[in-house]
């Protein structure tokens, strides 16, 4: 299971409710989701400034 699938599965578990997620998620779940979000933000920033080429399957 890749990072995106893990983050999606965890957020579905908390009905995509950020408040519920922050209160009830385990430390590992919280870290997994935030790591995915940070990596995606970094990827999009690199893409915008031209450091990475846009991926075809995104």
N, C-alpha and C. Protein backbone atom coordinates (compact mmCIF):
# COMPACT_ATOMS: atom_id res chain seq x y z
N UNK A 1 0.85 -1.17 0.00
CA UNK A 1 0.00 0.00 0.00
C UNK A 1 0.90 1.24 0.00
N UNK A 2 0.65 2.15 -0.93
CA UNK A 2 1.50 3.33 -0.99
C UNK A 2 1.01 4.41 -0.01
N UNK A 3 1.79 5.48 0.08
CA UNK A 3 1.52 6.54 1.05
C UNK A 3 0.15 7.19 0.84
N UNK A 4 -0.22 7.41 -0.42
CA UNK A 4 -1.51 8.04 -0.72
C UNK A 4 -2.66 7.15 -0.27
N UNK A 5 -2.58 5.86 -0.58
CA UNK A 5 -3.64 4.93 -0.20
C UNK A 5 -3.77 4.84 1.32
N UNK A 6 -2.64 4.84 2.02
CA UNK A 6 -2.68 4.80 3.48
C UNK A 6 -3.36 6.04 4.04
N UNK A 7 -3.00 7.22 3.53
CA UNK A 7 -3.58 8.47 4.02
C UNK A 7 -5.08 8.50 3.73
N UNK A 8 -5.47 8.07 2.54
CA UNK A 8 -6.89 8.03 2.18
C UNK A 8 -7.68 7.11 3.11
N UNK A 9 -7.12 5.93 3.38
CA UNK A 9 -7.78 4.95 4.24
C UNK A 9 -7.95 5.50 5.66
N UNK A 10 -6.92 6.16 6.16
CA UNK A 10 -6.99 6.72 7.51
C UNK A 10 -8.05 7.83 7.56
N UNK A 11 -8.07 8.70 6.57
CA UNK A 11 -9.04 9.79 6.58
C UNK A 11 -10.47 9.27 6.42
N UNK A 12 -10.66 8.21 5.66
CA UNK A 12 -11.99 7.60 5.54
C UNK A 12 -12.45 7.05 6.89
N UNK A 13 -11.51 6.51 7.65
CA UNK A 13 -11.81 5.96 8.98
C UNK A 13 -12.42 7.04 9.88
N UNK A 14 -11.99 8.30 9.71
CA UNK A 14 -12.49 9.41 10.51
C UNK A 14 -13.49 10.27 9.73
N UNK A 15 -14.08 9.69 8.69
CA UNK A 15 -15.10 10.36 7.87
C UNK A 15 -14.65 11.71 7.32
N UNK A 16 -13.36 11.81 7.05
CA UNK A 16 -12.76 13.04 6.50
C UNK A 16 -13.03 14.26 7.38
N UNK A 17 -13.25 14.03 8.67
CA UNK A 17 -13.51 15.09 9.65
C UNK A 17 -12.18 15.42 10.33
N UNK A 18 -11.64 16.59 10.02
CA UNK A 18 -10.33 16.97 10.55
C UNK A 18 -10.34 17.06 12.07
N UNK A 19 -11.39 17.62 12.65
CA UNK A 19 -11.48 17.73 14.10
C UNK A 19 -11.47 16.38 14.77
N UNK A 20 -12.28 15.48 14.27
CA UNK A 20 -12.34 14.11 14.81
C UNK A 20 -10.99 13.42 14.62
N UNK A 21 -10.40 13.61 13.46
CA UNK A 21 -9.09 13.02 13.17
C UNK A 21 -8.05 13.50 14.17
N UNK A 22 -8.00 14.81 14.42
CA UNK A 22 -7.01 15.37 15.33
C UNK A 22 -7.20 14.86 16.76
N UNK A 23 -8.43 14.67 17.18
CA UNK A 23 -8.70 14.22 18.54
C UNK A 23 -8.49 12.73 18.74
N UNK A 24 -8.85 11.92 17.74
CA UNK A 24 -8.91 10.48 17.93
C UNK A 24 -7.82 9.66 17.25
N UNK A 25 -7.12 10.25 16.31
CA UNK A 25 -6.12 9.47 15.56
C UNK A 25 -4.92 9.13 16.44
N UNK A 26 -4.35 7.97 16.17
CA UNK A 26 -3.13 7.59 16.87
C UNK A 26 -1.98 8.46 16.34
N UNK A 27 -0.90 8.46 17.07
CA UNK A 27 0.27 9.24 16.66
C UNK A 27 0.77 8.78 15.29
N UNK A 28 0.75 7.47 15.06
CA UNK A 28 1.22 6.93 13.78
C UNK A 28 0.31 7.35 12.63
N UNK A 29 -1.02 7.30 12.84
CA UNK A 29 -1.96 7.72 11.80
C UNK A 29 -1.80 9.20 11.50
N UNK A 30 -1.68 10.00 12.55
CA UNK A 30 -1.53 11.45 12.38
C UNK A 30 -0.27 11.77 11.58
N UNK A 31 0.81 11.10 11.94
CA UNK A 31 2.08 11.34 11.26
C UNK A 31 2.01 10.90 9.80
N UNK A 32 1.38 9.78 9.53
CA UNK A 32 1.26 9.26 8.16
C UNK A 32 0.52 10.25 7.27
N UNK A 33 -0.61 10.76 7.75
CA UNK A 33 -1.41 11.69 6.96
C UNK A 33 -0.68 13.01 6.76
N UNK A 34 -0.10 13.55 7.83
CA UNK A 34 0.60 14.83 7.68
C UNK A 34 1.84 14.71 6.80
N UNK A 35 2.50 13.57 6.86
CA UNK A 35 3.67 13.35 5.99
C UNK A 35 3.23 13.34 4.53
N UNK A 36 2.13 12.67 4.25
CA UNK A 36 1.62 12.64 2.87
C UNK A 36 1.26 14.05 2.39
N UNK A 37 0.56 14.80 3.23
CA UNK A 37 0.15 16.16 2.86
C UNK A 37 1.38 17.04 2.60
N UNK A 38 2.37 16.96 3.47
CA UNK A 38 3.59 17.75 3.30
C UNK A 38 4.34 17.36 2.03
N UNK A 39 4.44 16.07 1.76
CA UNK A 39 5.13 15.62 0.55
C UNK A 39 4.41 16.09 -0.71
N UNK A 40 3.09 16.05 -0.69
CA UNK A 40 2.32 16.53 -1.85
C UNK A 40 2.49 18.03 -2.05
N UNK A 41 2.48 18.79 -0.95
CA UNK A 41 2.69 20.24 -1.05
C UNK A 41 4.07 20.55 -1.62
N UNK A 42 5.07 19.84 -1.14
CA UNK A 42 6.43 20.04 -1.65
C UNK A 42 6.53 19.67 -3.13
N UNK A 43 5.89 18.58 -3.51
CA UNK A 43 5.92 18.14 -4.91
C UNK A 43 5.28 19.19 -5.81
N UNK A 44 4.14 19.73 -5.36
CA UNK A 44 3.46 20.74 -6.18
C UNK A 44 4.26 22.03 -6.27
N UNK A 45 4.93 22.42 -5.18
CA UNK A 45 5.78 23.61 -5.23
C UNK A 45 6.94 23.42 -6.20
N UNK A 46 7.59 22.26 -6.14
CA UNK A 46 8.69 21.99 -7.06
C UNK A 46 8.20 22.01 -8.51
N UNK A 47 7.02 21.48 -8.71
CA UNK A 47 6.43 21.45 -10.05
C UNK A 47 6.17 22.88 -10.55
N UNK A 48 5.65 23.72 -9.67
CA UNK A 48 5.34 25.10 -10.05
C UNK A 48 6.57 25.91 -10.43
N UNK A 49 7.67 25.70 -9.72
CA UNK A 49 8.87 26.48 -10.02
C UNK A 49 9.75 25.80 -11.06
N UNK A 50 9.33 24.66 -11.55
CA UNK A 50 10.05 24.00 -12.64
C UNK A 50 11.16 23.07 -12.24
N UNK A 51 11.25 22.73 -10.95
CA UNK A 51 12.31 21.81 -10.52
C UNK A 51 11.96 20.36 -10.87
N UNK A 52 10.70 20.05 -10.91
CA UNK A 52 10.24 18.72 -11.29
C UNK A 52 9.29 18.84 -12.47
N UNK A 53 9.36 17.87 -13.35
CA UNK A 53 8.42 17.85 -14.46
C UNK A 53 7.10 17.33 -13.96
N UNK A 54 6.01 17.82 -14.54
CA UNK A 54 4.67 17.38 -14.15
C UNK A 54 4.51 15.91 -14.50
N UNK A 55 3.96 15.15 -13.53
CA UNK A 55 3.75 13.73 -13.77
C UNK A 55 2.49 13.53 -14.60
N UNK A 56 2.55 12.59 -15.49
CA UNK A 56 1.42 12.31 -16.39
C UNK A 56 0.27 11.66 -15.67
N UNK A 57 0.50 10.82 -14.65
CA UNK A 57 -0.58 10.06 -14.02
C UNK A 57 -1.15 10.73 -12.77
N UNK A 58 -0.85 11.96 -12.49
CA UNK A 58 -1.37 12.61 -11.27
C UNK A 58 -2.80 13.03 -11.42
